Amino acid sequence: MKPTLISGNCHQDQRGQLFYNNDFDTTCIKRIYVIENHSVDFIRAWQGHKIEQRWFSAVQGSFKIQLIAVDNWDTPSENLLRKEYHLHSEKLDILHIPAGYISSIQALEEKSKLVVMSDYYLGELSDEFRYPTDYFTKE
């Protein structure tokens, strides 16, 4: 399975704005949390899951998300290809990250907030993998 961007949108009228994503199926979501990096210079990389799926949505500001499909969880190749996405709070776009990917998250604006949804409860399985920020050489 590959990452997919589920497009949202915004409706505006005299009452204000309504942000929506009518194509996002929340059936398997078990947990939700928010990430706010301490600065735009900080990159939260590389972390991911062999089994767990996640969904990202920028609810304030914007983010650059890079994803890598891991080939070997114990010693991944250092030159794996990155796929880059940009999420903005102007629409309720949701990026689906299937199992088998690691991510790099960078806020592009101060005070940006990223909602993260997961299909597993915290502690339900041991499935978190982290690699040094400079481990992967290919841009």
N, C-alpha and C. Protein backbone atom coordinates (compact mmCIF):
# COMPACT_ATOMS: atom_id res chain seq x y z
N MET A 1 0.84 -1.18 0.00
CA MET A 1 0.00 0.00 0.00
C MET A 1 0.89 1.25 0.00
N LYS A 2 0.48 2.26 -0.72
CA LYS A 2 1.24 3.50 -0.81
C LYS A 2 0.52 4.62 -0.06
N PRO A 3 1.27 5.64 0.37
CA PRO A 3 0.64 6.80 1.01
C PRO A 3 -0.35 7.46 0.05
N THR A 4 -1.43 7.99 0.60
CA THR A 4 -2.40 8.69 -0.22
C THR A 4 -2.83 9.98 0.47
N LEU A 5 -3.10 10.97 -0.35
CA LEU A 5 -3.61 12.24 0.15
C LEU A 5 -5.11 12.26 -0.09
N ILE A 6 -5.86 12.38 1.00
CA ILE A 6 -7.31 12.42 0.93
C ILE A 6 -7.69 13.90 0.99
N SER A 7 -8.16 14.44 -0.12
CA SER A 7 -8.39 15.88 -0.22
C SER A 7 -9.62 16.33 0.56
N GLY A 8 -9.42 17.39 1.31
CA GLY A 8 -10.50 18.06 2.00
C GLY A 8 -10.80 19.36 1.31
N ASN A 9 -11.59 20.19 1.96
CA ASN A 9 -11.91 21.47 1.37
C ASN A 9 -12.44 22.41 2.43
N CYS A 10 -12.82 23.60 2.00
CA CYS A 10 -13.33 24.63 2.89
C CYS A 10 -14.50 25.32 2.22
N HIS A 11 -15.56 25.50 2.96
CA HIS A 11 -16.72 26.25 2.48
C HIS A 11 -16.80 27.53 3.30
N GLN A 12 -17.00 28.64 2.61
CA GLN A 12 -17.08 29.93 3.30
C GLN A 12 -18.36 30.64 2.91
N ASP A 13 -19.06 31.17 3.90
CA ASP A 13 -20.22 32.01 3.64
C ASP A 13 -20.29 33.09 4.73
N GLN A 14 -21.42 33.77 4.83
CA GLN A 14 -21.55 34.87 5.77
C GLN A 14 -21.40 34.44 7.23
N ARG A 15 -21.54 33.17 7.53
CA ARG A 15 -21.42 32.68 8.90
C ARG A 15 -19.99 32.39 9.30
N GLY A 16 -19.10 32.21 8.31
CA GLY A 16 -17.71 31.87 8.59
C GLY A 16 -17.23 30.78 7.66
N GLN A 17 -16.32 29.93 8.16
CA GLN A 17 -15.74 28.87 7.36
C GLN A 17 -16.05 27.50 7.94
N LEU A 18 -16.21 26.54 7.06
CA LEU A 18 -16.42 25.15 7.43
C LEU A 18 -15.37 24.32 6.70
N PHE A 19 -14.48 23.69 7.45
CA PHE A 19 -13.46 22.83 6.88
C PHE A 19 -13.98 21.40 6.94
N TYR A 20 -13.84 20.65 5.84
CA TYR A 20 -14.41 19.32 5.82
C TYR A 20 -13.57 18.36 4.98
N ASN A 21 -13.77 17.07 5.26
CA ASN A 21 -13.18 16.01 4.46
C ASN A 21 -14.19 14.87 4.44
N ASN A 22 -15.05 14.88 3.44
CA ASN A 22 -16.14 13.91 3.36
C ASN A 22 -15.70 12.54 2.85
N ASP A 23 -14.44 12.42 2.40
CA ASP A 23 -13.96 11.14 1.87
C ASP A 23 -13.10 10.36 2.86
N PHE A 24 -12.92 10.90 4.07
CA PHE A 24 -12.08 10.25 5.06
C PHE A 24 -12.91 9.31 5.94
N ASP A 25 -12.58 8.03 5.90
CA ASP A 25 -13.27 7.01 6.70
C ASP A 25 -12.53 6.83 8.02
N THR A 26 -13.17 7.17 9.12
CA THR A 26 -12.53 7.12 10.44
C THR A 26 -12.79 5.81 11.18
N THR A 27 -13.33 4.83 10.52
CA THR A 27 -13.73 3.58 11.16
C THR A 27 -12.63 2.94 12.02
N CYS A 28 -11.40 2.91 11.55
CA CYS A 28 -10.35 2.18 12.28
C CYS A 28 -9.51 3.07 13.21
N ILE A 29 -9.86 4.34 13.37
CA ILE A 29 -9.09 5.24 14.23
C ILE A 29 -9.34 4.88 15.70
N LYS A 30 -8.26 4.69 16.45
CA LYS A 30 -8.36 4.38 17.88
C LYS A 30 -7.74 5.46 18.77
N ARG A 31 -6.88 6.30 18.19
CA ARG A 31 -6.12 7.25 19.01
C ARG A 31 -5.86 8.50 18.19
N ILE A 32 -5.81 9.63 18.89
CA ILE A 32 -5.56 10.91 18.22
C ILE A 32 -4.70 11.78 19.13
N TYR A 33 -3.74 12.51 18.52
CA TYR A 33 -2.91 13.43 19.28
C TYR A 33 -2.45 14.55 18.35
N VAL A 34 -1.85 15.60 18.91
CA VAL A 34 -1.41 16.76 18.15
C VAL A 34 0.08 16.97 18.35
N ILE A 35 0.79 17.26 17.25
CA ILE A 35 2.22 17.58 17.29
C ILE A 35 2.39 19.06 16.99
N GLU A 36 3.17 19.73 17.82
CA GLU A 36 3.56 21.12 17.56
C GLU A 36 5.07 21.20 17.80
N ASN A 37 5.85 21.28 16.72
CA ASN A 37 7.31 21.38 16.86
C ASN A 37 7.67 22.71 17.51
N HIS A 38 8.79 22.74 18.24
CA HIS A 38 9.18 23.95 18.97
C HIS A 38 9.68 25.07 18.07
N SER A 39 10.07 24.75 16.82
CA SER A 39 10.48 25.80 15.87
C SER A 39 10.41 25.25 14.45
N VAL A 40 10.47 26.14 13.47
CA VAL A 40 10.45 25.70 12.07
C VAL A 40 11.79 25.11 11.65
N ASP A 41 12.82 25.31 12.43
CA ASP A 41 14.13 24.74 12.12
C ASP A 41 14.26 23.28 12.57
N PHE A 42 13.37 22.86 13.47
CA PHE A 42 13.43 21.50 14.01
C PHE A 42 12.74 20.53 13.06
N ILE A 43 13.40 19.39 12.80
CA ILE A 43 12.81 18.33 11.97
C ILE A 43 12.67 17.08 12.83
N ARG A 44 11.46 16.61 12.97
CA ARG A 44 11.15 15.41 13.75
C ARG A 44 11.28 14.22 12.80
N ALA A 45 12.49 13.62 12.78
CA ALA A 45 12.75 12.54 11.83
C ALA A 45 13.64 11.50 12.50
N TRP A 46 13.69 10.39 12.07
CA TRP A 46 12.88 9.51 11.27
C TRP A 46 12.22 8.52 12.22
N GLN A 47 10.93 8.44 12.19
CA GLN A 47 10.18 7.56 13.07
C GLN A 47 9.03 6.94 12.30
N GLY A 48 8.74 5.68 12.58
CA GLY A 48 7.63 5.05 11.87
C GLY A 48 7.26 3.71 12.46
N HIS A 49 6.44 2.99 11.69
CA HIS A 49 5.83 1.77 12.19
C HIS A 49 5.75 0.70 11.11
N LYS A 50 6.06 -0.51 11.52
CA LYS A 50 5.97 -1.66 10.63
C LYS A 50 4.51 -2.12 10.47
N ILE A 51 3.71 -1.94 11.53
CA ILE A 51 2.33 -2.45 11.55
C ILE A 51 1.30 -1.31 11.61
N GLU A 52 1.55 -0.32 12.42
CA GLU A 52 0.59 0.76 12.66
C GLU A 52 0.46 1.69 11.45
N GLN A 53 -0.78 2.10 11.18
CA GLN A 53 -1.05 3.13 10.17
C GLN A 53 -1.28 4.46 10.89
N ARG A 54 -1.00 5.54 10.17
CA ARG A 54 -1.28 6.86 10.73
C ARG A 54 -1.89 7.76 9.66
N TRP A 55 -2.57 8.78 10.12
CA TRP A 55 -3.17 9.79 9.27
C TRP A 55 -2.78 11.14 9.84
N PHE A 56 -2.30 12.05 8.98
CA PHE A 56 -1.86 13.39 9.39
C PHE A 56 -2.77 14.44 8.76
N SER A 57 -3.05 15.50 9.53
CA SER A 57 -3.79 16.64 9.00
C SER A 57 -3.32 17.90 9.71
N ALA A 58 -2.95 18.92 8.93
CA ALA A 58 -2.54 20.20 9.51
C ALA A 58 -3.81 20.97 9.89
N VAL A 59 -3.94 21.28 11.17
CA VAL A 59 -5.10 22.04 11.63
C VAL A 59 -4.74 23.50 11.92
N GLN A 60 -3.46 23.78 11.92
CA GLN A 60 -2.98 25.16 12.05
C GLN A 60 -1.63 25.25 11.35
N GLY A 61 -1.47 26.24 10.47
CA GLY A 61 -0.20 26.42 9.77
C GLY A 61 0.01 25.40 8.67
N SER A 62 1.27 25.01 8.47
CA SER A 62 1.60 24.08 7.40
C SER A 62 2.82 23.23 7.76
N PHE A 63 2.92 22.09 7.09
CA PHE A 63 3.99 21.13 7.36
C PHE A 63 4.54 20.54 6.08
N LYS A 64 5.82 20.20 6.12
CA LYS A 64 6.44 19.37 5.09
C LYS A 64 6.60 17.99 5.71
N ILE A 65 6.02 17.01 5.05
CA ILE A 65 6.10 15.62 5.52
C ILE A 65 6.87 14.83 4.47
N GLN A 66 7.91 14.13 4.90
CA GLN A 66 8.64 13.23 4.00
C GLN A 66 8.42 11.81 4.51
N LEU A 67 8.22 10.90 3.57
CA LEU A 67 7.97 9.50 3.91
C LEU A 67 8.96 8.61 3.18
N ILE A 68 9.37 7.55 3.87
CA ILE A 68 10.25 6.54 3.29
C ILE A 68 9.66 5.16 3.59
N ALA A 69 9.55 4.34 2.54
CA ALA A 69 9.16 2.94 2.71
C ALA A 69 10.40 2.18 3.15
N VAL A 70 10.35 1.56 4.30
CA VAL A 70 11.52 0.88 4.88
C VAL A 70 11.68 -0.51 4.26
N ASP A 71 12.90 -0.81 3.85
CA ASP A 71 13.18 -2.11 3.23
C ASP A 71 13.64 -3.16 4.24
N ASN A 72 14.25 -2.73 5.33
CA ASN A 72 14.73 -3.64 6.37
C ASN A 72 14.71 -2.87 7.69
N TRP A 73 13.88 -3.29 8.62
CA TRP A 73 13.67 -2.51 9.86
C TRP A 73 14.88 -2.53 10.78
N ASP A 74 15.71 -3.58 10.72
CA ASP A 74 16.90 -3.64 11.57
C ASP A 74 18.02 -2.75 11.02
N THR A 75 18.27 -2.84 9.71
CA THR A 75 19.29 -2.02 9.07
C THR A 75 18.78 -1.56 7.71
N PRO A 76 17.97 -0.52 7.68
CA PRO A 76 17.45 -0.06 6.39
C PRO A 76 18.56 0.50 5.51
N SER A 77 18.35 0.41 4.20
CA SER A 77 19.29 1.02 3.27
C SER A 77 19.31 2.52 3.51
N GLU A 78 20.49 3.11 3.38
CA GLU A 78 20.64 4.54 3.67
C GLU A 78 20.19 5.43 2.52
N ASN A 79 20.00 4.86 1.34
CA ASN A 79 19.67 5.68 0.18
C ASN A 79 18.25 5.43 -0.35
N LEU A 80 17.31 5.17 0.54
CA LEU A 80 15.93 4.93 0.14
C LEU A 80 15.28 6.23 -0.35
N LEU A 81 14.39 6.09 -1.32
CA LEU A 81 13.70 7.25 -1.89
C LEU A 81 12.72 7.87 -0.89
N ARG A 82 12.64 9.20 -0.92
CA ARG A 82 11.71 9.95 -0.09
C ARG A 82 10.56 10.46 -0.95
N LYS A 83 9.38 10.44 -0.39
CA LYS A 83 8.22 11.04 -1.03
C LYS A 83 7.82 12.22 -0.15
N GLU A 84 7.63 13.39 -0.76
CA GLU A 84 7.36 14.61 0.01
C GLU A 84 5.93 15.09 -0.21
N TYR A 85 5.32 15.51 0.90
CA TYR A 85 3.96 16.06 0.89
C TYR A 85 3.96 17.37 1.66
N HIS A 86 3.05 18.25 1.29
CA HIS A 86 2.85 19.50 2.04
C HIS A 86 1.40 19.55 2.48
N LEU A 87 1.21 19.75 3.77
CA LEU A 87 -0.13 19.86 4.33
C LEU A 87 -0.34 21.28 4.84
N HIS A 88 -1.50 21.85 4.53
CA HIS A 88 -1.83 23.22 4.92
C HIS A 88 -3.18 23.23 5.62
N SER A 89 -3.34 24.12 6.57
CA SER A 89 -4.58 24.18 7.32
C SER A 89 -5.73 24.84 6.56
N GLU A 90 -5.49 25.36 5.35
CA GLU A 90 -6.57 25.99 4.59
C GLU A 90 -7.61 24.98 4.11
N LYS A 91 -7.22 23.71 4.05
CA LYS A 91 -8.13 22.64 3.68
C LYS A 91 -7.90 21.52 4.69
N LEU A 92 -8.85 20.67 4.81
CA LEU A 92 -8.70 19.56 5.75
C LEU A 92 -8.20 18.32 5.01
N ASP A 93 -7.07 18.49 4.27
CA ASP A 93 -6.43 17.35 3.61
C ASP A 93 -5.90 16.41 4.68
N ILE A 94 -5.99 15.12 4.39
CA ILE A 94 -5.49 14.11 5.32
C ILE A 94 -4.54 13.20 4.56
N LEU A 95 -3.33 13.06 5.09
CA LEU A 95 -2.33 12.19 4.50
C LEU A 95 -2.36 10.84 5.21
N HIS A 96 -2.65 9.79 4.46
CA HIS A 96 -2.66 8.44 5.02
C HIS A 96 -1.27 7.83 4.86
N ILE A 97 -0.67 7.42 5.97
CA ILE A 97 0.62 6.75 5.96
C ILE A 97 0.37 5.29 6.33
N PRO A 98 0.46 4.40 5.35
CA PRO A 98 0.22 2.99 5.65
C PRO A 98 1.36 2.39 6.47
N ALA A 99 1.13 1.22 6.98
CA ALA A 99 2.16 0.49 7.70
C ALA A 99 3.38 0.32 6.80
N GLY A 100 4.58 0.36 7.39
CA GLY A 100 5.79 0.13 6.64
C GLY A 100 6.55 1.40 6.27
N TYR A 101 6.11 2.53 6.77
CA TYR A 101 6.74 3.81 6.44
C TYR A 101 7.26 4.52 7.68
N ILE A 102 8.31 5.30 7.47
CA ILE A 102 8.80 6.22 8.49
C ILE A 102 8.59 7.63 7.97
N SER A 103 8.54 8.59 8.90
CA SER A 103 8.23 9.96 8.50
C SER A 103 9.21 10.96 9.07
N SER A 104 9.28 12.08 8.37
CA SER A 104 10.00 13.27 8.80
C SER A 104 8.98 14.41 8.78
N ILE A 105 8.87 15.13 9.88
CA ILE A 105 7.85 16.17 10.03
C ILE A 105 8.53 17.49 10.33
N GLN A 106 8.29 18.49 9.48
CA GLN A 106 8.84 19.83 9.71
C GLN A 106 7.73 20.86 9.54
N ALA A 107 7.53 21.68 10.58
CA ALA A 107 6.59 22.79 10.49
C ALA A 107 7.18 23.85 9.57
N LEU A 108 6.34 24.42 8.71
CA LEU A 108 6.80 25.47 7.81
C LEU A 108 6.43 26.86 8.31
N GLU A 109 5.60 26.92 9.35
CA GLU A 109 5.19 28.17 9.96
C GLU A 109 5.22 27.98 11.48
N GLU A 110 5.55 29.03 12.21
CA GLU A 110 5.52 28.97 13.67
C GLU A 110 4.11 28.63 14.15
N LYS A 111 4.04 27.92 15.26
CA LYS A 111 2.78 27.55 15.91
C LYS A 111 1.91 26.61 15.07
N SER A 112 2.50 25.93 14.10
CA SER A 112 1.76 24.97 13.30
C SER A 112 1.41 23.76 14.15
N LYS A 113 0.23 23.19 13.89
CA LYS A 113 -0.23 22.02 14.64
C LYS A 113 -0.68 20.94 13.67
N LEU A 114 -0.20 19.72 13.94
CA LEU A 114 -0.50 18.57 13.10
C LEU A 114 -1.27 17.54 13.93
N VAL A 115 -2.48 17.22 13.50
CA VAL A 115 -3.25 16.16 14.14
C VAL A 115 -2.77 14.83 13.58
N VAL A 116 -2.51 13.89 14.48
CA VAL A 116 -2.08 12.55 14.09
C VAL A 116 -3.11 11.56 14.61
N MET A 117 -3.57 10.67 13.74
CA MET A 117 -4.52 9.63 14.12
C MET A 117 -3.87 8.27 13.87
N SER A 118 -4.19 7.31 14.71
CA SER A 118 -3.57 5.99 14.63
C SER A 118 -4.63 4.90 14.75
N ASP A 119 -4.34 3.74 14.18
CA ASP A 119 -5.26 2.61 14.27
C ASP A 119 -4.92 1.66 15.42
N TYR A 120 -4.02 2.08 16.32
CA TYR A 120 -3.70 1.29 17.52
C TYR A 120 -3.67 2.21 18.73
N TYR A 121 -4.08 1.67 19.86
CA TYR A 121 -3.98 2.41 21.12
C TYR A 121 -2.53 2.49 21.57
N LEU A 122 -2.19 3.49 22.34
CA LEU A 122 -0.85 3.63 22.90
C LEU A 122 -0.54 2.40 23.75
N GLY A 123 0.57 1.74 23.47
CA GLY A 123 0.98 0.55 24.23
C GLY A 123 0.33 -0.74 23.78
N GLU A 124 -0.54 -0.68 22.79
CA GLU A 124 -1.22 -1.89 22.32
C GLU A 124 -0.26 -2.87 21.64
N LEU A 125 0.79 -2.35 21.01
CA LEU A 125 1.81 -3.19 20.40
C LEU A 125 3.15 -2.45 20.46
N SER A 126 4.21 -3.20 20.33
CA SER A 126 5.55 -2.62 20.32
C SER A 126 5.98 -2.49 18.86
N ASP A 127 5.80 -1.29 18.30
CA ASP A 127 5.96 -1.13 16.86
C ASP A 127 6.55 0.24 16.49
N GLU A 128 7.36 0.81 17.35
CA GLU A 128 7.93 2.12 17.05
C GLU A 128 9.40 1.97 16.67
N PHE A 129 9.75 2.50 15.52
CA PHE A 129 11.12 2.45 15.03
C PHE A 129 11.62 3.87 14.81
N ARG A 130 12.83 4.15 15.30
CA ARG A 130 13.44 5.47 15.14
C ARG A 130 14.85 5.31 14.58
N TYR A 131 15.20 6.26 13.72
CA TYR A 131 16.52 6.29 13.12
C TYR A 131 17.07 7.71 13.25
N PRO A 132 18.39 7.88 13.31
CA PRO A 132 18.98 9.21 13.42
C PRO A 132 18.54 10.12 12.26
N THR A 133 18.43 11.39 12.55
CA THR A 133 17.97 12.37 11.55
C THR A 133 18.82 12.33 10.29
N ASP A 134 20.11 12.09 10.42
CA ASP A 134 21.00 12.10 9.26
C ASP A 134 21.29 10.69 8.69
N TYR A 135 20.53 9.69 9.09
CA TYR A 135 20.76 8.31 8.65
C TYR A 135 20.57 8.14 7.14
N PHE A 136 19.49 8.72 6.61
CA PHE A 136 19.15 8.54 5.21
C PHE A 136 19.79 9.64 4.37
N THR A 137 20.57 9.24 3.37
CA THR A 137 21.40 10.18 2.63
C THR A 137 20.72 10.76 1.39
N LYS A 138 19.78 10.04 0.81
CA LYS A 138 19.15 10.47 -0.44
C LYS A 138 18.07 11.51 -0.16
N GLU A 139 18.06 12.60 -0.90
CA GLU A 139 17.03 13.64 -0.76
C GLU A 139 15.96 13.45 -1.79
